[in-house]
Amino acid sequence: MNYTELKSSIKSYVENEFPETIGSGGLTPDEQLDVFIQQAEQRIYNAVQILALRKNVTGATTAGEQYMSTPDDWLANYSIAVIDPVTGDYEYMLNKDVSYIREAFPSPSSTGKPTHYALFTDGSFLLGPTPDDTYGVELHYFYYPESIVTAGSTWLSENFDSVLLYGSLLEAYTFMKGEQDVLEEYQTRYDQALAMLKQLSEGKNRQDMYRTLQVRYPVR
């Protein structure tokens, strides 16, 4: 399902073209639909850890600099690894609070290979100890992918359009102050689709069938 098909489906399901009225806040029909869709995406992306929301980037520390910048689209961390410049070995740093870093490594002038990190601001990490060399770094992190509103299609719309559709319908029908029984039906459908997405993303996608038992369901 692409962006155009999603908009058309929303309007068909709720039987509303979302005309620009006083109640629309001055938004055009497309702008109103964009808000519903983006709210649904935000809801979904924060409810399920989808593999498509992970990104890897590599960079480097600066000798004598205890701070390291985050990527522009960074939202949350999965891991940070320091790559030894000689051996190429990966060593994963431990995530701690800023106060821990300050206590464990009180002098910024004391340098070494970083073993710990803390989120200092939205745009930077604090490393401990201060790097004594230029080390390669691999950051594995969570980000919001481009919205279907601007991309036209996304992993979610191509692989799990049901959860995106019912999430958008929930937002649209809530805005319309629609009938409670219909709203409850949309909620039920959304919850079912979200559960299937969660099963795929946080269950099947995190298994190795050689080491982990296959997913099983009770027979009723």
N, C-alpha and C. Protein backbone atom coordinates (compact mmCIF):
# COMPACT_ATOMS: atom_id res chain seq x y z
N MET A 1 0.85 -1.20 0.00
CA MET A 1 0.00 0.00 0.00
C MET A 1 0.88 1.24 0.00
N ASN A 2 0.70 2.10 -0.99
CA ASN A 2 1.48 3.33 -1.02
C ASN A 2 0.68 4.48 -0.39
N TYR A 3 1.29 5.65 -0.39
CA TYR A 3 0.69 6.82 0.27
C TYR A 3 -0.68 7.18 -0.32
N THR A 4 -0.78 7.19 -1.63
CA THR A 4 -2.05 7.54 -2.28
C THR A 4 -3.14 6.53 -1.94
N GLU A 5 -2.78 5.25 -1.96
CA GLU A 5 -3.75 4.20 -1.64
C GLU A 5 -4.18 4.27 -0.18
N LEU A 6 -3.25 4.61 0.70
CA LEU A 6 -3.58 4.73 2.12
C LEU A 6 -4.57 5.86 2.36
N LYS A 7 -4.33 7.02 1.77
CA LYS A 7 -5.25 8.14 1.91
C LYS A 7 -6.64 7.78 1.39
N SER A 8 -6.68 7.14 0.25
CA SER A 8 -7.96 6.75 -0.33
C SER A 8 -8.70 5.76 0.56
N SER A 9 -7.97 4.83 1.16
CA SER A 9 -8.59 3.83 2.04
C SER A 9 -9.15 4.48 3.30
N ILE A 10 -8.42 5.42 3.86
CA ILE A 10 -8.91 6.11 5.07
C ILE A 10 -10.22 6.81 4.78
N LYS A 11 -10.27 7.55 3.68
CA LYS A 11 -11.49 8.28 3.33
C LYS A 11 -12.65 7.33 3.05
N SER A 12 -12.37 6.20 2.43
CA SER A 12 -13.42 5.22 2.11
C SER A 12 -13.97 4.56 3.37
N TYR A 13 -13.07 4.19 4.28
CA TYR A 13 -13.50 3.50 5.50
C TYR A 13 -14.39 4.40 6.35
N VAL A 14 -13.99 5.65 6.54
CA VAL A 14 -14.73 6.52 7.44
C VAL A 14 -15.77 7.38 6.70
N GLU A 15 -15.81 7.22 5.36
CA GLU A 15 -16.78 7.94 4.53
C GLU A 15 -16.72 9.45 4.78
N ASN A 16 -15.50 9.98 4.64
CA ASN A 16 -15.28 11.40 4.90
C ASN A 16 -14.15 11.88 4.00
N GLU A 17 -14.36 13.00 3.33
CA GLU A 17 -13.34 13.58 2.46
C GLU A 17 -12.49 14.61 3.22
N PHE A 18 -12.81 14.85 4.49
CA PHE A 18 -12.09 15.78 5.35
C PHE A 18 -11.92 17.16 4.70
N PRO A 19 -13.03 17.79 4.37
CA PRO A 19 -12.95 19.13 3.75
C PRO A 19 -12.38 20.15 4.73
N GLU A 20 -11.85 21.22 4.18
CA GLU A 20 -11.31 22.29 5.01
C GLU A 20 -12.45 23.09 5.62
N THR A 21 -12.62 22.98 6.93
CA THR A 21 -13.71 23.66 7.65
C THR A 21 -13.13 24.31 8.90
N ILE A 22 -13.99 24.95 9.66
CA ILE A 22 -13.55 25.55 10.93
C ILE A 22 -12.98 24.47 11.85
N GLY A 23 -13.64 23.32 11.85
CA GLY A 23 -13.19 22.23 12.72
C GLY A 23 -11.88 21.60 12.29
N SER A 24 -11.45 21.84 11.05
CA SER A 24 -10.21 21.24 10.56
C SER A 24 -8.98 22.06 10.95
N GLY A 25 -9.20 23.20 11.56
CA GLY A 25 -8.08 24.06 11.94
C GLY A 25 -7.39 24.72 10.77
N GLY A 26 -8.11 24.84 9.67
CA GLY A 26 -7.53 25.48 8.49
C GLY A 26 -6.66 24.56 7.65
N LEU A 27 -6.66 23.27 7.96
CA LEU A 27 -5.85 22.32 7.21
C LEU A 27 -6.62 21.82 6.00
N THR A 28 -5.91 21.61 4.92
CA THR A 28 -6.52 21.05 3.72
C THR A 28 -6.81 19.57 3.95
N PRO A 29 -7.61 18.93 3.10
CA PRO A 29 -7.87 17.49 3.25
C PRO A 29 -6.59 16.66 3.34
N ASP A 30 -5.63 16.93 2.45
CA ASP A 30 -4.38 16.16 2.48
C ASP A 30 -3.59 16.41 3.75
N GLU A 31 -3.59 17.64 4.22
CA GLU A 31 -2.86 17.96 5.45
C GLU A 31 -3.47 17.27 6.65
N GLN A 32 -4.79 17.19 6.68
CA GLN A 32 -5.45 16.48 7.77
C GLN A 32 -5.08 15.00 7.76
N LEU A 33 -5.11 14.39 6.57
CA LEU A 33 -4.76 12.98 6.46
C LEU A 33 -3.31 12.74 6.82
N ASP A 34 -2.44 13.68 6.45
CA ASP A 34 -1.03 13.54 6.79
C ASP A 34 -0.83 13.50 8.30
N VAL A 35 -1.57 14.32 9.02
CA VAL A 35 -1.47 14.34 10.48
C VAL A 35 -1.89 12.98 11.05
N PHE A 36 -3.01 12.43 10.57
CA PHE A 36 -3.49 11.13 11.06
C PHE A 36 -2.44 10.05 10.81
N ILE A 37 -1.88 10.04 9.61
CA ILE A 37 -0.92 9.01 9.23
C ILE A 37 0.35 9.12 10.06
N GLN A 38 0.87 10.33 10.22
CA GLN A 38 2.11 10.51 10.97
C GLN A 38 1.92 10.21 12.46
N GLN A 39 0.74 10.51 12.99
CA GLN A 39 0.47 10.15 14.38
C GLN A 39 0.43 8.63 14.54
N ALA A 40 -0.15 7.95 13.55
CA ALA A 40 -0.19 6.49 13.59
C ALA A 40 1.21 5.91 13.50
N GLU A 41 2.05 6.44 12.61
CA GLU A 41 3.42 5.97 12.49
C GLU A 41 4.17 6.12 13.81
N GLN A 42 4.02 7.28 14.43
CA GLN A 42 4.70 7.51 15.71
C GLN A 42 4.24 6.51 16.76
N ARG A 43 2.95 6.25 16.79
CA ARG A 43 2.40 5.29 17.76
C ARG A 43 3.00 3.90 17.52
N ILE A 44 3.05 3.48 16.27
CA ILE A 44 3.55 2.15 15.92
C ILE A 44 5.04 2.03 16.20
N TYR A 45 5.80 3.02 15.76
CA TYR A 45 7.25 2.95 15.90
C TYR A 45 7.70 2.95 17.35
N ASN A 46 6.88 3.47 18.24
CA ASN A 46 7.23 3.46 19.67
C ASN A 46 6.65 2.28 20.42
N ALA A 47 5.85 1.47 19.72
CA ALA A 47 5.24 0.30 20.36
C ALA A 47 5.97 -0.99 20.01
N VAL A 48 6.66 -1.01 18.86
CA VAL A 48 7.31 -2.22 18.38
C VAL A 48 8.74 -1.90 17.95
N GLN A 49 9.67 -2.77 18.33
CA GLN A 49 11.06 -2.59 17.92
C GLN A 49 11.28 -3.28 16.57
N ILE A 50 10.94 -2.57 15.51
CA ILE A 50 11.05 -3.09 14.16
C ILE A 50 12.51 -3.01 13.70
N LEU A 51 12.98 -4.07 13.04
CA LEU A 51 14.37 -4.07 12.58
C LEU A 51 14.65 -2.92 11.62
N ALA A 52 13.62 -2.51 10.88
CA ALA A 52 13.79 -1.42 9.91
C ALA A 52 14.05 -0.08 10.60
N LEU A 53 13.88 -0.01 11.92
CA LEU A 53 14.12 1.23 12.65
C LEU A 53 15.54 1.29 13.24
N ARG A 54 16.35 0.29 12.91
CA ARG A 54 17.72 0.28 13.42
C ARG A 54 18.68 0.75 12.34
N LYS A 55 19.72 1.40 12.79
CA LYS A 55 20.72 1.90 11.84
C LYS A 55 22.11 1.76 12.46
N ASN A 56 23.08 1.46 11.62
CA ASN A 56 24.47 1.39 12.03
C ASN A 56 25.27 2.49 11.33
N VAL A 57 26.09 3.19 12.09
CA VAL A 57 27.02 4.15 11.49
C VAL A 57 28.39 3.96 12.14
N THR A 58 29.41 4.31 11.42
CA THR A 58 30.76 4.26 11.97
C THR A 58 31.34 5.66 12.01
N GLY A 59 32.20 5.88 12.96
CA GLY A 59 32.84 7.18 13.10
C GLY A 59 34.14 6.99 13.85
N ALA A 60 34.58 8.03 14.53
CA ALA A 60 35.84 7.93 15.25
C ALA A 60 35.86 8.91 16.41
N THR A 61 36.55 8.52 17.47
CA THR A 61 36.76 9.44 18.58
C THR A 61 37.89 10.39 18.23
N THR A 62 38.02 11.44 19.00
CA THR A 62 39.11 12.40 18.83
C THR A 62 39.99 12.36 20.07
N ALA A 63 41.26 12.16 19.87
CA ALA A 63 42.18 12.10 21.00
C ALA A 63 42.08 13.36 21.85
N GLY A 64 41.90 13.18 23.18
CA GLY A 64 41.81 14.30 24.09
C GLY A 64 40.44 14.93 24.18
N GLU A 65 39.45 14.42 23.42
CA GLU A 65 38.09 14.97 23.45
C GLU A 65 37.15 13.94 24.07
N GLN A 66 36.56 14.32 25.23
CA GLN A 66 35.73 13.36 25.95
C GLN A 66 34.28 13.30 25.47
N TYR A 67 33.91 14.17 24.54
CA TYR A 67 32.54 14.17 24.02
C TYR A 67 32.52 13.64 22.59
N MET A 68 31.44 12.96 22.24
CA MET A 68 31.25 12.43 20.89
C MET A 68 29.82 12.76 20.44
N SER A 69 29.68 13.31 19.26
CA SER A 69 28.36 13.75 18.77
C SER A 69 27.48 12.57 18.36
N THR A 70 26.18 12.75 18.49
CA THR A 70 25.21 11.77 18.01
C THR A 70 24.83 12.11 16.57
N PRO A 71 24.38 11.13 15.78
CA PRO A 71 23.89 11.42 14.43
C PRO A 71 22.66 12.32 14.48
N ASP A 72 22.40 13.02 13.39
CA ASP A 72 21.28 13.96 13.34
C ASP A 72 19.93 13.27 13.55
N ASP A 73 19.80 12.01 13.10
CA ASP A 73 18.51 11.32 13.20
C ASP A 73 18.46 10.36 14.39
N TRP A 74 19.42 10.48 15.31
CA TRP A 74 19.50 9.59 16.47
C TRP A 74 18.34 9.83 17.44
N LEU A 75 17.77 8.73 17.95
CA LEU A 75 16.72 8.84 18.97
C LEU A 75 17.07 8.06 20.23
N ALA A 76 17.64 6.87 20.08
CA ALA A 76 18.01 6.08 21.25
C ALA A 76 19.08 5.07 20.85
N ASN A 77 19.82 4.60 21.83
CA ASN A 77 20.95 3.70 21.57
C ASN A 77 20.59 2.23 21.69
N TYR A 78 21.28 1.42 20.89
CA TYR A 78 21.32 -0.01 21.11
C TYR A 78 22.70 -0.40 21.65
N SER A 79 23.75 0.13 21.02
CA SER A 79 25.09 -0.18 21.50
C SER A 79 26.11 0.76 20.85
N ILE A 80 27.27 0.88 21.52
CA ILE A 80 28.42 1.58 20.95
C ILE A 80 29.65 0.69 21.16
N ALA A 81 30.35 0.42 20.07
CA ALA A 81 31.56 -0.39 20.15
C ALA A 81 32.76 0.45 19.75
N VAL A 82 33.85 0.27 20.50
CA VAL A 82 35.12 0.90 20.17
C VAL A 82 35.94 -0.12 19.40
N ILE A 83 36.53 0.30 18.29
CA ILE A 83 37.32 -0.59 17.45
C ILE A 83 38.80 -0.28 17.67
N ASP A 84 39.52 -1.28 18.13
CA ASP A 84 40.95 -1.08 18.41
C ASP A 84 41.69 -0.74 17.12
N PRO A 85 42.47 0.36 17.10
CA PRO A 85 43.15 0.78 15.87
C PRO A 85 44.23 -0.19 15.41
N VAL A 86 44.71 -1.05 16.30
CA VAL A 86 45.78 -1.99 15.95
C VAL A 86 45.23 -3.36 15.58
N THR A 87 44.41 -3.92 16.47
CA THR A 87 43.91 -5.28 16.26
C THR A 87 42.60 -5.33 15.47
N GLY A 88 41.84 -4.21 15.48
CA GLY A 88 40.53 -4.21 14.82
C GLY A 88 39.44 -4.87 15.64
N ASP A 89 39.77 -5.24 16.88
CA ASP A 89 38.79 -5.90 17.76
C ASP A 89 37.70 -4.92 18.20
N TYR A 90 36.49 -5.44 18.32
CA TYR A 90 35.36 -4.66 18.82
C TYR A 90 35.25 -4.85 20.33
N GLU A 91 35.13 -3.73 21.04
CA GLU A 91 34.92 -3.78 22.49
C GLU A 91 33.73 -2.87 22.80
N TYR A 92 32.65 -3.46 23.30
CA TYR A 92 31.42 -2.70 23.54
C TYR A 92 31.50 -1.94 24.85
N MET A 93 31.24 -0.65 24.77
CA MET A 93 31.27 0.20 25.96
C MET A 93 30.04 -0.03 26.82
N LEU A 94 30.19 0.22 28.10
CA LEU A 94 29.09 0.08 29.04
C LEU A 94 28.36 1.41 29.17
N ASN A 95 27.03 1.35 29.13
CA ASN A 95 26.21 2.55 29.25
C ASN A 95 26.01 2.89 30.72
N LYS A 96 26.38 4.11 31.11
CA LYS A 96 26.23 4.56 32.49
C LYS A 96 25.64 5.96 32.52
N ASP A 97 25.33 6.44 33.71
CA ASP A 97 24.85 7.80 33.88
C ASP A 97 26.04 8.77 33.87
N VAL A 98 25.76 10.03 33.55
CA VAL A 98 26.82 11.03 33.53
C VAL A 98 27.53 11.10 34.88
N SER A 99 26.77 11.03 35.96
CA SER A 99 27.37 11.11 37.29
C SER A 99 28.35 9.96 37.54
N TYR A 100 28.05 8.80 36.98
CA TYR A 100 28.96 7.65 37.13
C TYR A 100 30.27 7.93 36.40
N ILE A 101 30.17 8.45 35.18
CA ILE A 101 31.37 8.75 34.41
C ILE A 101 32.23 9.78 35.14
N ARG A 102 31.58 10.81 35.69
CA ARG A 102 32.32 11.85 36.41
C ARG A 102 33.00 11.29 37.66
N GLU A 103 32.34 10.35 38.31
CA GLU A 103 32.90 9.76 39.53
C GLU A 103 34.02 8.78 39.21
N ALA A 104 33.81 7.94 38.19
CA ALA A 104 34.80 6.92 37.84
C ALA A 104 36.02 7.51 37.13
N PHE A 105 35.78 8.58 36.35
CA PHE A 105 36.88 9.21 35.60
C PHE A 105 36.84 10.72 35.88
N PRO A 106 37.23 11.11 37.12
CA PRO A 106 37.04 12.51 37.55
C PRO A 106 37.89 13.52 36.80
N SER A 107 39.01 13.09 36.24
CA SER A 107 39.89 14.04 35.55
C SER A 107 39.81 13.83 34.05
N PRO A 108 39.28 14.81 33.31
CA PRO A 108 39.23 14.69 31.84
C PRO A 108 40.61 14.55 31.20
N SER A 109 41.63 14.93 31.91
CA SER A 109 42.99 14.83 31.37
C SER A 109 43.55 13.42 31.47
N SER A 110 42.88 12.56 32.27
CA SER A 110 43.31 11.16 32.35
C SER A 110 42.73 10.42 31.14
N THR A 111 43.61 9.89 30.30
CA THR A 111 43.15 9.33 29.03
C THR A 111 43.38 7.83 28.94
N GLY A 112 42.73 7.22 27.98
CA GLY A 112 42.85 5.78 27.74
C GLY A 112 41.82 5.37 26.70
N LYS A 113 41.70 4.06 26.49
CA LYS A 113 40.68 3.57 25.57
C LYS A 113 39.32 3.66 26.27
N PRO A 114 38.33 4.34 25.68
CA PRO A 114 37.01 4.48 26.33
C PRO A 114 36.37 3.12 26.60
N THR A 115 35.84 2.98 27.81
CA THR A 115 35.16 1.74 28.20
C THR A 115 33.71 1.99 28.61
N HIS A 116 33.36 3.25 28.86
CA HIS A 116 32.02 3.61 29.32
C HIS A 116 31.53 4.84 28.54
N TYR A 117 30.22 4.98 28.48
CA TYR A 117 29.65 6.17 27.86
C TYR A 117 28.35 6.53 28.55
N ALA A 118 27.97 7.79 28.43
CA ALA A 118 26.70 8.27 28.98
C ALA A 118 26.11 9.29 28.00
N LEU A 119 24.81 9.37 27.98
CA LEU A 119 24.16 10.39 27.16
C LEU A 119 24.28 11.72 27.90
N PHE A 120 25.05 12.63 27.32
CA PHE A 120 25.30 13.92 27.97
C PHE A 120 24.22 14.94 27.62
N THR A 121 23.93 15.08 26.34
CA THR A 121 22.83 15.91 25.85
C THR A 121 22.16 15.15 24.71
N ASP A 122 21.11 15.75 24.14
CA ASP A 122 20.47 15.12 22.99
C ASP A 122 21.42 14.97 21.81
N GLY A 123 22.51 15.75 21.83
CA GLY A 123 23.42 15.75 20.69
C GLY A 123 24.80 15.21 20.97
N SER A 124 25.04 14.67 22.18
CA SER A 124 26.39 14.21 22.46
C SER A 124 26.44 13.14 23.54
N PHE A 125 27.48 12.31 23.46
CA PHE A 125 27.79 11.31 24.48
C PHE A 125 29.02 11.78 25.25
N LEU A 126 29.09 11.39 26.51
CA LEU A 126 30.27 11.61 27.33
C LEU A 126 31.01 10.29 27.44
N LEU A 127 32.29 10.27 27.10
CA LEU A 127 33.08 9.05 27.13
C LEU A 127 33.96 8.99 28.36
N GLY A 128 34.20 7.79 28.84
CA GLY A 128 35.10 7.63 29.97
C GLY A 128 35.97 6.38 29.79
N PRO A 129 37.28 6.49 29.92
CA PRO A 129 38.02 7.74 30.08
C PRO A 129 38.08 8.53 28.77
N THR A 130 38.64 9.73 28.84
CA THR A 130 38.84 10.54 27.63
C THR A 130 39.74 9.77 26.66
N PRO A 131 39.37 9.65 25.40
CA PRO A 131 40.18 8.88 24.44
C PRO A 131 41.63 9.39 24.36
N ASP A 132 42.56 8.44 24.34
CA ASP A 132 43.97 8.79 24.20
C ASP A 132 44.46 8.64 22.76
N ASP A 133 43.55 8.26 21.87
CA ASP A 133 43.91 8.03 20.48
C ASP A 133 42.65 8.18 19.63
N THR A 134 42.79 8.08 18.33
CA THR A 134 41.65 8.09 17.43
C THR A 134 41.18 6.65 17.27
N TYR A 135 40.06 6.33 17.90
CA TYR A 135 39.51 4.98 17.84
C TYR A 135 38.30 4.96 16.90
N GLY A 136 38.21 3.91 16.10
CA GLY A 136 37.01 3.73 15.31
C GLY A 136 35.85 3.39 16.23
N VAL A 137 34.66 3.85 15.88
CA VAL A 137 33.48 3.61 16.71
C VAL A 137 32.33 3.16 15.81
N GLU A 138 31.61 2.14 16.25
CA GLU A 138 30.40 1.72 15.56
C GLU A 138 29.20 1.93 16.47
N LEU A 139 28.26 2.73 16.01
CA LEU A 139 27.07 3.06 16.78
C LEU A 139 25.86 2.37 16.16
N HIS A 140 25.15 1.62 16.97
CA HIS A 140 23.93 0.93 16.56
C HIS A 140 22.79 1.62 17.29
N TYR A 141 21.86 2.24 16.53
CA TYR A 141 20.87 3.08 17.21
C TYR A 141 19.50 3.03 16.56
N PHE A 142 18.52 3.59 17.28
CA PHE A 142 17.13 3.65 16.87
C PHE A 142 16.84 5.02 16.27
N TYR A 143 16.10 5.03 15.17
CA TYR A 143 15.73 6.29 14.53
C TYR A 143 14.35 6.16 13.91
N TYR A 144 13.73 7.30 13.64
CA TYR A 144 12.48 7.30 12.90
C TYR A 144 12.80 7.30 11.40
N PRO A 145 12.28 6.34 10.66
CA PRO A 145 12.48 6.38 9.22
C PRO A 145 11.63 7.48 8.59
N GLU A 146 11.88 7.78 7.36
CA GLU A 146 11.10 8.79 6.67
C GLU A 146 9.63 8.38 6.61
N SER A 147 8.74 9.32 6.83
CA SER A 147 7.30 9.04 6.83
C SER A 147 6.84 8.69 5.42
N ILE A 148 5.82 7.86 5.35
CA ILE A 148 5.20 7.54 4.07
C ILE A 148 4.64 8.80 3.41
N VAL A 149 4.34 9.81 4.22
CA VAL A 149 3.80 11.07 3.71
C VAL A 149 4.76 11.71 2.71
N THR A 150 6.06 11.61 2.98
CA THR A 150 7.05 12.19 2.08
C THR A 150 7.76 11.15 1.22
N ALA A 151 7.83 9.91 1.73
CA ALA A 151 8.55 8.86 1.00
C ALA A 151 7.69 8.19 -0.08
N GLY A 152 6.37 8.22 0.12
CA GLY A 152 5.49 7.55 -0.84
C GLY A 152 5.19 6.12 -0.47
N SER A 153 6.20 5.40 0.02
CA SER A 153 6.03 4.04 0.54
C SER A 153 7.16 3.78 1.52
N THR A 154 6.93 2.89 2.48
CA THR A 154 7.92 2.57 3.50
C THR A 154 7.91 1.07 3.75
N TRP A 155 8.87 0.62 4.56
CA TRP A 155 8.88 -0.81 4.92
C TRP A 155 7.56 -1.19 5.56
N LEU A 156 7.03 -0.33 6.42
CA LEU A 156 5.78 -0.63 7.11
C LEU A 156 4.62 -0.74 6.12
N SER A 157 4.53 0.19 5.19
CA SER A 157 3.41 0.18 4.24
C SER A 157 3.50 -0.98 3.26
N GLU A 158 4.70 -1.46 3.00
CA GLU A 158 4.87 -2.55 2.05
C GLU A 158 4.76 -3.92 2.70
N ASN A 159 5.11 -4.01 3.99
CA ASN A 159 5.15 -5.31 4.65
C ASN A 159 4.07 -5.52 5.70
N PHE A 160 3.55 -4.42 6.28
CA PHE A 160 2.52 -4.55 7.32
C PHE A 160 1.56 -3.38 7.22
N ASP A 161 0.92 -3.24 6.06
CA ASP A 161 0.04 -2.10 5.84
C ASP A 161 -1.20 -2.11 6.72
N SER A 162 -1.59 -3.28 7.23
CA SER A 162 -2.80 -3.37 8.06
C SER A 162 -2.66 -2.55 9.33
N VAL A 163 -1.49 -2.61 9.98
CA VAL A 163 -1.32 -1.88 11.23
C VAL A 163 -1.26 -0.37 10.96
N LEU A 164 -0.70 0.01 9.83
CA LEU A 164 -0.65 1.43 9.47
C LEU A 164 -2.04 1.95 9.12
N LEU A 165 -2.82 1.15 8.41
CA LEU A 165 -4.18 1.55 8.04
C LEU A 165 -5.05 1.72 9.27
N TYR A 166 -5.08 0.71 10.15
CA TYR A 166 -5.97 0.80 11.31
C TYR A 166 -5.46 1.82 12.33
N GLY A 167 -4.16 2.04 12.38
CA GLY A 167 -3.66 3.10 13.24
C GLY A 167 -4.11 4.46 12.73
N SER A 168 -4.09 4.65 11.42
CA SER A 168 -4.54 5.91 10.82
C SER A 168 -6.03 6.09 10.99
N LEU A 169 -6.78 4.99 10.85
CA LEU A 169 -8.24 5.06 11.02
C LEU A 169 -8.60 5.45 12.45
N LEU A 170 -7.83 4.94 13.41
CA LEU A 170 -8.07 5.32 14.81
C LEU A 170 -7.92 6.82 15.00
N GLU A 171 -6.86 7.37 14.42
CA GLU A 171 -6.63 8.80 14.55
C GLU A 171 -7.71 9.60 13.83
N ALA A 172 -8.08 9.19 12.64
CA ALA A 172 -9.07 9.90 11.84
C ALA A 172 -10.45 9.85 12.50
N TYR A 173 -10.83 8.67 12.98
CA TYR A 173 -12.17 8.51 13.54
C TYR A 173 -12.28 9.18 14.91
N THR A 174 -11.18 9.22 15.64
CA THR A 174 -11.16 9.96 16.90
C THR A 174 -11.36 11.44 16.64
N PHE A 175 -10.68 11.95 15.60
CA PHE A 175 -10.83 13.35 15.20
C PHE A 175 -12.29 13.65 14.83
N MET A 176 -12.94 12.68 14.18
CA MET A 176 -14.32 12.86 13.75
C MET A 176 -15.32 12.74 14.89
N LYS A 177 -14.83 12.27 16.06
CA LYS A 177 -15.71 11.99 17.21
C LYS A 177 -16.79 11.00 16.78
N GLY A 178 -16.32 9.93 16.15
CA GLY A 178 -17.22 8.91 15.60
C GLY A 178 -17.87 8.04 16.65
N GLU A 179 -18.71 7.13 16.17
CA GLU A 179 -19.45 6.24 17.05
C GLU A 179 -18.49 5.35 17.85
N GLN A 180 -18.81 5.16 19.13
CA GLN A 180 -17.93 4.44 20.03
C GLN A 180 -17.73 2.99 19.60
N ASP A 181 -18.80 2.33 19.11
CA ASP A 181 -18.66 0.93 18.73
C ASP A 181 -17.74 0.75 17.52
N VAL A 182 -17.79 1.68 16.59
CA VAL A 182 -16.91 1.62 15.42
C VAL A 182 -15.48 1.89 15.85
N LEU A 183 -15.30 2.86 16.73
CA LEU A 183 -13.96 3.19 17.23
C LEU A 183 -13.36 1.98 17.95
N GLU A 184 -14.17 1.28 18.71
CA GLU A 184 -13.70 0.09 19.41
C GLU A 184 -13.30 -1.00 18.43
N GLU A 185 -14.05 -1.12 17.33
CA GLU A 185 -13.71 -2.11 16.31
C GLU A 185 -12.37 -1.79 15.65
N TYR A 186 -12.16 -0.51 15.35
CA TYR A 186 -10.87 -0.10 14.79
C TYR A 186 -9.74 -0.39 15.77
N GLN A 187 -9.99 -0.13 17.05
CA GLN A 187 -8.98 -0.38 18.08
C GLN A 187 -8.65 -1.86 18.15
N THR A 188 -9.68 -2.71 18.08
CA THR A 188 -9.46 -4.16 18.12
C THR A 188 -8.64 -4.61 16.93
N ARG A 189 -9.00 -4.13 15.73
CA ARG A 189 -8.26 -4.50 14.53
C ARG A 189 -6.81 -4.01 14.60
N TYR A 190 -6.63 -2.80 15.11
CA TYR A 190 -5.29 -2.25 15.25
C TYR A 190 -4.46 -3.09 16.22
N ASP A 191 -5.06 -3.43 17.36
CA ASP A 191 -4.34 -4.22 18.36
C ASP A 191 -3.93 -5.59 17.81
N GLN A 192 -4.81 -6.20 17.01
CA GLN A 192 -4.50 -7.50 16.42
C GLN A 192 -3.35 -7.38 15.42
N ALA A 193 -3.40 -6.36 14.58
CA ALA A 193 -2.33 -6.16 13.60
C ALA A 193 -1.01 -5.83 14.29
N LEU A 194 -1.08 -5.02 15.35
CA LEU A 194 0.13 -4.66 16.09
C LEU A 194 0.74 -5.89 16.76
N ALA A 195 -0.10 -6.77 17.27
CA ALA A 195 0.39 -7.99 17.91
C ALA A 195 1.13 -8.87 16.91
N MET A 196 0.62 -8.96 15.68
CA MET A 196 1.29 -9.75 14.64
C MET A 196 2.63 -9.12 14.27
N LEU A 197 2.66 -7.80 14.18
CA LEU A 197 3.91 -7.11 13.87
C LEU A 197 4.92 -7.30 14.99
N LYS A 198 4.45 -7.26 16.21
CA LYS A 198 5.31 -7.45 17.38
C LYS A 198 5.87 -8.87 17.40
N GLN A 199 5.02 -9.83 17.03
CA GLN A 199 5.46 -11.22 16.99
C GLN A 199 6.57 -11.41 15.97
N LEU A 200 6.44 -10.74 14.82
CA LEU A 200 7.48 -10.83 13.80
C LEU A 200 8.75 -10.12 14.23
N SER A 201 8.62 -8.88 14.69
CA SER A 201 9.78 -8.04 14.96
C SER A 201 10.52 -8.43 16.23
N GLU A 202 9.78 -8.76 17.28
CA GLU A 202 10.41 -9.02 18.57
C GLU A 202 10.45 -10.50 18.90
N GLY A 203 9.90 -11.33 18.01
CA GLY A 203 9.92 -12.77 18.22
C GLY A 203 10.72 -13.48 17.14
N LYS A 204 10.12 -13.62 15.97
CA LYS A 204 10.76 -14.38 14.89
C LYS A 204 12.06 -13.76 14.41
N ASN A 205 12.13 -12.43 14.36
CA ASN A 205 13.33 -11.77 13.87
C ASN A 205 14.49 -11.81 14.87
N ARG A 206 14.23 -12.31 16.06
CA ARG A 206 15.29 -12.39 17.07
C ARG A 206 15.63 -13.82 17.42
N GLN A 207 15.30 -14.75 16.51
CA GLN A 207 15.57 -16.15 16.77
C GLN A 207 16.60 -16.70 15.81
N ASP A 208 17.35 -17.64 16.31
CA ASP A 208 18.24 -18.45 15.50
C ASP A 208 17.76 -19.87 15.71
N MET A 209 17.19 -20.48 14.68
CA MET A 209 16.55 -21.78 14.86
C MET A 209 17.53 -22.88 15.28
N TYR A 210 18.85 -22.63 15.11
CA TYR A 210 19.83 -23.61 15.56
C TYR A 210 19.96 -23.57 17.08
N ARG A 211 19.78 -22.37 17.65
CA ARG A 211 19.97 -22.20 19.09
C ARG A 211 18.69 -21.94 19.86
N THR A 212 17.66 -21.45 19.17
CA THR A 212 16.42 -21.07 19.84
C THR A 212 15.27 -21.91 19.32
N LEU A 213 14.42 -22.37 20.22
CA LEU A 213 13.27 -23.16 19.79
C LEU A 213 12.34 -22.33 18.93
N GLN A 214 11.72 -22.95 17.94
CA GLN A 214 10.79 -22.26 17.07
C GLN A 214 9.57 -21.79 17.88
N VAL A 215 8.94 -20.75 17.36
CA VAL A 215 7.75 -20.21 18.03
C VAL A 215 6.66 -21.27 18.06
N ARG A 216 6.05 -21.46 19.22
CA ARG A 216 4.97 -22.44 19.36
C ARG A 216 3.75 -21.77 19.94
N TYR A 217 2.59 -22.28 19.56
CA TYR A 217 1.33 -21.73 20.06
C TYR A 217 0.52 -22.86 20.67
N PRO A 218 -0.16 -22.57 21.79
CA PRO A 218 -0.98 -23.61 22.42
C PRO A 218 -2.15 -24.00 21.53
N VAL A 219 -2.46 -25.29 21.50
CA VAL A 219 -3.60 -25.79 20.72
C VAL A 219 -4.82 -25.78 21.60
N ARG A 220 -5.90 -25.17 21.10
CA ARG A 220 -7.13 -25.10 21.90
C ARG A 220 -8.23 -25.97 21.27
